[in-house]
Amino acid sequence: MTRNRSQNQQWWRSARGEWYVAVQLLLFALFTFGPESTARIPRWHGPIQQFVAQPLGAILTLCGALLFLAGIIYLGRNLAVVPYPKAGSELVTHGAYRLVRHPIYSGIIIGALGWSLWKGSFFLCLLGFQI
């Protein structure tokens, strides 16, 4: 039985970007389940956080989630886990893709920024931009 080259290749050396997906999943896990502050980067508290950052964070988190979901819905059968187009896929230019080139990634970034504002965490804000 012979195997083609793509089956023999390690996933982290693949041209399809599996390594990128793995790194993103680790960053998502750290963002979601990791610390919200460190000794050098504490959380902030006070009236600005309570009356400005939390409401703004909630709105941005919701907008990010909606943009993320719209990107998935409008991509439809063209959706792939790896950042490499599927064979036979077509360019989507309607819906969320009419507004932004990468609505899934944009939604994640906007949602992460909103979540970090809502939680009052500079650390999560920095980590969110790494995603």
Protein backbone atom coordinates (compact mmCIF):
# COMPACT_ATOMS: atom_id res chain seq x y z
CA MET A 1 0.00 0.00 0.00
CA THR A 2 1.46 3.37 -0.99
CA ARG A 3 0.68 6.67 0.61
CA ASN A 4 0.73 9.97 -1.17
CA ARG A 5 3.03 12.77 -0.08
CA SER A 6 0.38 14.72 1.85
CA GLN A 7 -0.36 11.72 4.06
CA ASN A 8 3.35 11.28 4.91
CA GLN A 9 3.87 14.95 5.75
CA GLN A 10 3.73 16.03 9.38
CA TRP A 11 0.78 18.30 10.14
CA TRP A 12 2.97 21.18 11.34
CA ARG A 13 4.84 21.25 8.03
CA SER A 14 1.75 21.22 5.88
CA ALA A 15 1.06 23.97 3.37
CA ARG A 16 -2.63 23.91 4.30
CA GLY A 17 -2.05 25.68 7.63
CA GLU A 18 -2.90 23.00 10.19
CA TRP A 19 -0.14 24.34 12.46
CA TYR A 20 -1.79 27.76 12.36
CA VAL A 21 -5.12 26.28 13.47
CA ALA A 22 -3.39 24.42 16.32
CA VAL A 23 -1.69 27.62 17.55
CA GLN A 24 -4.98 29.52 17.35
CA LEU A 25 -6.76 26.84 19.38
CA LEU A 26 -4.09 27.11 22.08
CA LEU A 27 -4.46 30.90 22.16
CA PHE A 28 -8.27 30.60 22.33
CA ALA A 29 -7.94 28.19 25.27
CA LEU A 30 -5.52 30.53 27.05
CA PHE A 31 -7.78 33.52 26.39
CA THR A 32 -10.88 31.67 27.61
CA PHE A 33 -9.52 29.67 30.55
CA GLY A 34 -6.26 31.45 31.39
CA PRO A 35 -5.58 34.22 33.90
CA GLU A 36 -7.28 37.58 33.57
CA SER A 37 -4.33 39.45 35.06
CA THR A 38 -0.74 39.05 36.14
CA ALA A 39 1.31 40.64 38.92
CA ARG A 40 2.66 43.17 36.42
CA ILE A 41 -0.60 43.70 34.52
CA PRO A 42 -3.48 43.96 37.04
CA ARG A 43 -7.17 44.31 36.24
CA TRP A 44 -8.64 47.78 36.42
CA HIS A 45 -11.61 48.78 38.58
CA GLY A 46 -13.61 51.90 39.24
CA PRO A 47 -16.40 53.96 37.76
CA ILE A 48 -14.89 54.19 34.27
CA GLN A 49 -14.63 50.42 34.09
CA GLN A 50 -18.13 49.97 35.49
CA PHE A 51 -19.97 52.63 33.48
CA VAL A 52 -17.92 52.83 30.25
CA ALA A 53 -15.74 49.77 29.70
CA GLN A 54 -18.27 47.11 30.74
CA PRO A 55 -21.17 48.37 28.58
CA LEU A 56 -18.83 49.05 25.65
CA GLY A 57 -17.26 45.62 26.14
CA ALA A 58 -20.66 43.92 26.14
CA ILE A 59 -21.64 45.69 22.91
CA LEU A 60 -18.34 44.83 21.21
CA THR A 61 -18.55 41.21 22.37
CA LEU A 62 -22.06 40.91 20.94
CA CYS A 63 -21.08 42.62 17.66
CA GLY A 64 -18.03 40.36 17.35
CA ALA A 65 -20.13 37.25 17.95
CA LEU A 66 -22.71 38.36 15.36
CA LEU A 67 -20.01 39.12 12.77
CA PHE A 68 -18.36 35.76 13.46
CA LEU A 69 -21.65 33.89 13.04
CA ALA A 70 -22.58 35.86 9.92
CA GLY A 71 -19.22 34.97 8.41
CA ILE A 72 -19.82 31.27 9.05
CA ILE A 73 -23.39 31.38 7.73
CA TYR A 74 -22.55 33.28 4.53
CA LEU A 75 -19.51 31.12 3.85
CA GLY A 76 -21.80 28.08 3.82
CA ARG A 77 -20.39 25.01 2.12
CA ASN A 78 -17.14 26.87 1.41
CA LEU A 79 -16.25 26.79 5.14
CA ALA A 80 -13.01 24.94 5.88
CA VAL A 81 -11.22 24.40 9.18
CA VAL A 82 -7.81 25.15 7.70
CA PRO A 83 -6.97 28.55 6.18
CA TYR A 84 -6.72 27.06 2.71
CA PRO A 85 -9.65 27.06 0.26
CA LYS A 86 -11.47 23.81 -0.37
CA ALA A 87 -11.40 22.35 -3.85
CA GLY A 88 -14.30 23.70 -5.89
CA SER A 89 -15.04 26.55 -3.49
CA GLU A 90 -16.10 29.94 -4.75
CA LEU A 91 -15.34 33.47 -3.60
CA VAL A 92 -18.09 34.85 -1.34
CA THR A 93 -18.72 38.59 -1.76
CA HIS A 94 -22.18 39.02 -0.22
CA GLY A 95 -23.49 39.34 3.32
CA ALA A 96 -20.79 39.87 5.93
CA TYR A 97 -18.14 39.41 3.22
CA ARG A 98 -19.41 42.55 1.51
CA LEU A 99 -18.45 44.56 4.61
CA VAL A 100 -15.19 42.90 5.63
CA ARG A 101 -12.79 40.54 3.88
CA HIS A 102 -12.43 38.17 6.87
CA PRO A 103 -15.57 38.46 9.03
CA ILE A 104 -14.80 35.33 11.07
CA TYR A 105 -11.38 36.59 12.16
CA SER A 106 -12.66 40.17 12.51
CA GLY A 107 -15.51 38.93 14.70
CA ILE A 108 -13.09 37.02 16.91
CA ILE A 109 -10.82 40.06 17.32
CA ILE A 110 -13.71 42.45 18.03
CA GLY A 111 -15.27 39.94 20.43
CA ALA A 112 -11.95 39.40 22.22
CA LEU A 113 -11.45 43.15 22.60
CA GLY A 114 -15.00 43.49 23.93
CA TRP A 115 -14.56 40.58 26.34
CA SER A 116 -11.34 42.08 27.72
CA LEU A 117 -13.04 45.46 28.23
CA TRP A 118 -16.01 43.79 29.88
CA LYS A 119 -13.71 41.87 32.22
CA GLY A 120 -11.53 44.96 32.84
CA SER A 121 -8.35 43.18 31.84
CA PHE A 122 -5.36 44.71 30.04
CA PHE A 123 -3.81 41.23 29.96
CA LEU A 124 -6.78 39.75 28.06
CA CYS A 125 -6.71 42.73 25.72
CA LEU A 126 -3.05 42.04 24.86
CA LEU A 127 -3.72 38.33 24.49
CA GLY A 128 -6.80 38.97 22.35
CA PHE A 129 -4.73 40.79 19.77
CA GLN A 130 -2.41 37.79 19.56
CA ILE A 131 -5.28 35.61 18.38
